[in-house]
Amino acid sequence: MEWLKRWLGKSERSEQVSNQARALAREVWEAHRDWKAAEQNLNEAVEPDQIDYAIYMREATERRFNMLMREAREQELDMSEFGFRLSDPIKNTIDM
């Protein structure tokens, strides 16, 4: 019976790790989407205040994306495992 308890415990921990990895993958994907939207807003900004704000938002979203990507690399997260894909050019611009 003890082996069953250990096996079930390992299964629960494995599921918890998988759920955390899925949550991180979703966060990375959402951060990438936000970064791309901020870049688009910067391209469309016209007024000086709009431009300043758009620059601030682009820098903030890029930093958040890079931070999450570093965390994903540390955990050796495979985004495709969860159905999230980033374009290859973006992967090449990530801070190492």
N, C-alpha and C. Protein backbone atom coordinates (compact mmCIF):
# COMPACT_ATOMS: atom_id res chain seq x y z
N MET A 1 0.81 -1.20 0.00
CA MET A 1 0.00 0.00 0.00
C MET A 1 0.85 1.27 0.00
N GLU A 2 2.00 1.18 0.65
CA GLU A 2 2.88 2.35 0.72
C GLU A 2 3.35 2.77 -0.67
N TRP A 3 3.66 1.80 -1.53
CA TRP A 3 4.11 2.12 -2.88
C TRP A 3 3.03 2.85 -3.66
N LEU A 4 1.76 2.52 -3.40
CA LEU A 4 0.65 3.18 -4.08
C LEU A 4 0.57 4.64 -3.64
N LYS A 5 0.75 4.90 -2.37
CA LYS A 5 0.74 6.27 -1.86
C LYS A 5 1.87 7.08 -2.49
N ARG A 6 3.07 6.46 -2.57
CA ARG A 6 4.21 7.15 -3.19
C ARG A 6 3.94 7.42 -4.66
N TRP A 7 3.40 6.44 -5.36
CA TRP A 7 3.11 6.59 -6.78
C TRP A 7 2.08 7.69 -7.01
N LEU A 8 1.02 7.71 -6.20
CA LEU A 8 0.00 8.75 -6.34
C LEU A 8 0.57 10.12 -6.02
N GLY A 9 1.44 10.19 -5.03
CA GLY A 9 2.09 11.45 -4.68
C GLY A 9 2.94 11.97 -5.82
N LYS A 10 3.70 11.10 -6.47
CA LYS A 10 4.52 11.49 -7.61
C LYS A 10 3.64 11.97 -8.76
N SER A 11 2.54 11.29 -8.98
CA SER A 11 1.62 11.66 -10.05
C SER A 11 1.04 13.05 -9.81
N GLU A 12 0.67 13.34 -8.56
CA GLU A 12 0.11 14.65 -8.23
C GLU A 12 1.16 15.75 -8.40
N ARG A 13 2.40 15.48 -7.98
CA ARG A 13 3.47 16.47 -8.14
C ARG A 13 3.75 16.70 -9.62
N SER A 14 3.76 15.63 -10.39
CA SER A 14 4.00 15.75 -11.83
C SER A 14 2.91 16.60 -12.49
N GLU A 15 1.68 16.39 -12.09
CA GLU A 15 0.56 17.17 -12.64
C GLU A 15 0.68 18.63 -12.24
N GLN A 16 1.12 18.88 -10.99
CA GLN A 16 1.28 20.25 -10.52
C GLN A 16 2.37 20.96 -11.32
N VAL A 17 3.50 20.27 -11.56
CA VAL A 17 4.58 20.85 -12.36
C VAL A 17 4.08 21.13 -13.77
N SER A 18 3.31 20.21 -14.34
CA SER A 18 2.77 20.40 -15.68
C SER A 18 1.83 21.62 -15.73
N ASN A 19 1.01 21.78 -14.71
CA ASN A 19 0.11 22.93 -14.65
C ASN A 19 0.89 24.24 -14.54
N GLN A 20 1.98 24.23 -13.76
CA GLN A 20 2.81 25.42 -13.63
C GLN A 20 3.49 25.74 -14.95
N ALA A 21 3.96 24.70 -15.64
CA ALA A 21 4.61 24.91 -16.94
C ALA A 21 3.61 25.47 -17.95
N ARG A 22 2.39 24.94 -17.93
CA ARG A 22 1.35 25.44 -18.84
C ARG A 22 1.04 26.91 -18.54
N ALA A 23 0.97 27.26 -17.26
CA ALA A 23 0.69 28.65 -16.88
C ALA A 23 1.82 29.57 -17.35
N LEU A 24 3.07 29.12 -17.20
CA LEU A 24 4.20 29.92 -17.66
C LEU A 24 4.17 30.06 -19.18
N ALA A 25 3.87 28.99 -19.88
CA ALA A 25 3.78 29.04 -21.34
C ALA A 25 2.71 30.04 -21.78
N ARG A 26 1.57 30.02 -21.12
CA ARG A 26 0.50 30.97 -21.45
C ARG A 26 0.95 32.41 -21.17
N GLU A 27 1.65 32.61 -20.05
CA GLU A 27 2.13 33.95 -19.71
C GLU A 27 3.13 34.46 -20.75
N VAL A 28 4.03 33.58 -21.19
CA VAL A 28 5.01 33.96 -22.21
C VAL A 28 4.28 34.33 -23.49
N TRP A 29 3.32 33.51 -23.89
CA TRP A 29 2.57 33.78 -25.12
C TRP A 29 1.82 35.12 -25.02
N GLU A 30 1.17 35.37 -23.87
CA GLU A 30 0.44 36.62 -23.68
C GLU A 30 1.38 37.82 -23.66
N ALA A 31 2.55 37.66 -23.05
CA ALA A 31 3.54 38.74 -23.01
C ALA A 31 4.03 39.05 -24.43
N HIS A 32 4.21 38.03 -25.22
CA HIS A 32 4.63 38.22 -26.62
C HIS A 32 3.55 38.97 -27.39
N ARG A 33 2.31 38.57 -27.20
CA ARG A 33 1.18 39.24 -27.86
C ARG A 33 1.12 40.71 -27.45
N ASP A 34 1.28 40.99 -26.15
CA ASP A 34 1.24 42.36 -25.65
C ASP A 34 2.38 43.20 -26.22
N TRP A 35 3.55 42.59 -26.32
CA TRP A 35 4.71 43.28 -26.87
C TRP A 35 4.46 43.67 -28.32
N LYS A 36 3.93 42.73 -29.10
CA LYS A 36 3.64 43.01 -30.51
C LYS A 36 2.58 44.11 -30.64
N ALA A 37 1.58 44.09 -29.77
CA ALA A 37 0.53 45.13 -29.79
C ALA A 37 1.13 46.49 -29.43
N ALA A 38 2.04 46.51 -28.48
CA ALA A 38 2.69 47.77 -28.09
C ALA A 38 3.54 48.31 -29.24
N GLU A 39 4.21 47.43 -29.97
CA GLU A 39 4.98 47.88 -31.14
C GLU A 39 4.06 48.47 -32.19
N GLN A 40 2.92 47.85 -32.40
CA GLN A 40 1.95 48.37 -33.37
C GLN A 40 1.44 49.74 -32.93
N ASN A 41 1.16 49.89 -31.64
CA ASN A 41 0.70 51.19 -31.12
C ASN A 41 1.76 52.26 -31.32
N LEU A 42 3.02 51.88 -31.13
CA LEU A 42 4.11 52.84 -31.35
C LEU A 42 4.15 53.27 -32.81
N ASN A 43 3.96 52.34 -33.71
CA ASN A 43 3.97 52.67 -35.14
C ASN A 43 2.82 53.59 -35.53
N GLU A 44 1.73 53.55 -34.79
CA GLU A 44 0.55 54.34 -35.12
C GLU A 44 0.46 55.65 -34.32
N ALA A 45 1.33 55.84 -33.35
CA ALA A 45 1.28 57.04 -32.51
C ALA A 45 1.68 58.27 -33.33
N VAL A 46 0.97 59.40 -33.06
CA VAL A 46 1.24 60.61 -33.83
C VAL A 46 1.63 61.78 -32.92
N GLU A 47 0.86 61.99 -31.89
CA GLU A 47 1.10 63.11 -30.97
C GLU A 47 2.30 62.79 -30.07
N PRO A 48 3.02 63.83 -29.64
CA PRO A 48 4.19 63.59 -28.78
C PRO A 48 3.88 62.78 -27.51
N ASP A 49 2.75 63.08 -26.86
CA ASP A 49 2.38 62.33 -25.65
C ASP A 49 2.06 60.87 -25.99
N GLN A 50 1.41 60.65 -27.11
CA GLN A 50 1.12 59.28 -27.55
C GLN A 50 2.41 58.52 -27.82
N ILE A 51 3.35 59.18 -28.45
CA ILE A 51 4.62 58.55 -28.78
C ILE A 51 5.38 58.18 -27.50
N ASP A 52 5.43 59.13 -26.55
CA ASP A 52 6.11 58.85 -25.27
C ASP A 52 5.49 57.66 -24.57
N TYR A 53 4.17 57.65 -24.51
CA TYR A 53 3.48 56.56 -23.84
C TYR A 53 3.71 55.24 -24.58
N ALA A 54 3.65 55.27 -25.89
CA ALA A 54 3.84 54.06 -26.69
C ALA A 54 5.25 53.50 -26.51
N ILE A 55 6.25 54.38 -26.42
CA ILE A 55 7.62 53.93 -26.19
C ILE A 55 7.73 53.27 -24.82
N TYR A 56 7.15 53.92 -23.82
CA TYR A 56 7.17 53.36 -22.46
C TYR A 56 6.52 51.97 -22.44
N MET A 57 5.36 51.83 -23.06
CA MET A 57 4.65 50.55 -23.07
C MET A 57 5.42 49.48 -23.84
N ARG A 58 6.02 49.86 -24.95
CA ARG A 58 6.79 48.88 -25.73
C ARG A 58 7.98 48.37 -24.93
N GLU A 59 8.68 49.29 -24.27
CA GLU A 59 9.83 48.88 -23.46
C GLU A 59 9.40 47.99 -22.29
N ALA A 60 8.30 48.35 -21.65
CA ALA A 60 7.81 47.57 -20.50
C ALA A 60 7.37 46.17 -20.94
N THR A 61 6.65 46.09 -22.04
CA THR A 61 6.18 44.77 -22.49
C THR A 61 7.33 43.92 -23.00
N GLU A 62 8.32 44.55 -23.63
CA GLU A 62 9.49 43.79 -24.10
C GLU A 62 10.27 43.23 -22.91
N ARG A 63 10.44 44.04 -21.88
CA ARG A 63 11.17 43.58 -20.69
C ARG A 63 10.43 42.44 -19.99
N ARG A 64 9.12 42.56 -19.92
CA ARG A 64 8.33 41.48 -19.29
C ARG A 64 8.49 40.19 -20.10
N PHE A 65 8.40 40.30 -21.41
CA PHE A 65 8.56 39.14 -22.27
C PHE A 65 9.94 38.50 -22.08
N ASN A 66 10.98 39.32 -22.08
CA ASN A 66 12.34 38.79 -21.90
C ASN A 66 12.51 38.13 -20.54
N MET A 67 11.94 38.72 -19.50
CA MET A 67 12.01 38.15 -18.16
C MET A 67 11.35 36.77 -18.14
N LEU A 68 10.17 36.66 -18.72
CA LEU A 68 9.46 35.38 -18.75
C LEU A 68 10.20 34.35 -19.61
N MET A 69 10.81 34.81 -20.71
CA MET A 69 11.57 33.88 -21.55
C MET A 69 12.79 33.34 -20.83
N ARG A 70 13.45 34.18 -20.04
CA ARG A 70 14.59 33.69 -19.24
C ARG A 70 14.12 32.62 -18.27
N GLU A 71 12.99 32.86 -17.63
CA GLU A 71 12.43 31.88 -16.71
C GLU A 71 12.07 30.58 -17.44
N ALA A 72 11.49 30.72 -18.62
CA ALA A 72 11.12 29.54 -19.41
C ALA A 72 12.36 28.76 -19.83
N ARG A 73 13.43 29.47 -20.19
CA ARG A 73 14.68 28.79 -20.56
C ARG A 73 15.26 28.03 -19.38
N GLU A 74 15.24 28.66 -18.21
CA GLU A 74 15.76 28.01 -17.01
C GLU A 74 15.01 26.72 -16.72
N GLN A 75 13.72 26.72 -17.00
CA GLN A 75 12.89 25.53 -16.76
C GLN A 75 12.86 24.60 -17.98
N GLU A 76 13.60 24.98 -19.02
CA GLU A 76 13.63 24.20 -20.27
C GLU A 76 12.22 23.92 -20.79
N LEU A 77 11.42 24.97 -20.78
CA LEU A 77 10.02 24.88 -21.19
C LEU A 77 9.91 24.81 -22.71
N ASP A 78 9.13 23.86 -23.18
CA ASP A 78 8.86 23.72 -24.61
C ASP A 78 7.46 24.28 -24.86
N MET A 79 7.40 25.47 -25.45
CA MET A 79 6.13 26.14 -25.68
C MET A 79 5.21 25.31 -26.57
N SER A 80 5.78 24.61 -27.54
CA SER A 80 4.95 23.86 -28.48
C SER A 80 4.23 22.70 -27.79
N GLU A 81 4.76 22.26 -26.67
CA GLU A 81 4.12 21.18 -25.93
C GLU A 81 2.71 21.57 -25.49
N PHE A 82 2.49 22.88 -25.31
CA PHE A 82 1.19 23.37 -24.84
C PHE A 82 0.42 24.06 -25.95
N GLY A 83 0.91 23.99 -27.17
CA GLY A 83 0.18 24.57 -28.30
C GLY A 83 0.46 26.04 -28.52
N PHE A 84 1.44 26.60 -27.81
CA PHE A 84 1.80 28.01 -27.99
C PHE A 84 3.04 28.09 -28.85
N ARG A 85 2.99 28.91 -29.88
CA ARG A 85 4.16 29.05 -30.76
C ARG A 85 4.50 30.53 -30.90
N LEU A 86 5.80 30.80 -30.89
CA LEU A 86 6.30 32.14 -31.15
C LEU A 86 7.02 32.08 -32.48
N SER A 87 6.99 33.18 -33.20
CA SER A 87 7.67 33.18 -34.50
C SER A 87 9.19 33.14 -34.29
N ASP A 88 9.90 32.51 -35.20
CA ASP A 88 11.35 32.34 -35.08
C ASP A 88 12.12 33.66 -34.98
N PRO A 89 11.78 34.71 -35.76
CA PRO A 89 12.54 35.97 -35.62
C PRO A 89 12.46 36.53 -34.19
N ILE A 90 11.34 36.34 -33.53
CA ILE A 90 11.20 36.84 -32.17
C ILE A 90 12.13 36.08 -31.23
N LYS A 91 12.25 34.78 -31.39
CA LYS A 91 13.12 34.00 -30.53
C LYS A 91 14.56 34.48 -30.63
N ASN A 92 14.94 34.98 -31.79
CA ASN A 92 16.31 35.44 -31.99
C ASN A 92 16.59 36.80 -31.36
N THR A 93 15.55 37.54 -30.97
CA THR A 93 15.77 38.86 -30.40
C THR A 93 15.71 38.86 -28.89
N ILE A 94 15.52 37.72 -28.29
CA ILE A 94 15.39 37.63 -26.84
C ILE A 94 16.74 37.83 -26.18
N ASP A 95 16.76 38.61 -25.10
CA ASP A 95 18.00 38.78 -24.33
C ASP A 95 18.46 37.44 -23.78
N MET A 96 19.73 37.19 -23.83
CA MET A 96 20.25 35.93 -23.29
C MET A 96 20.72 36.14 -21.88
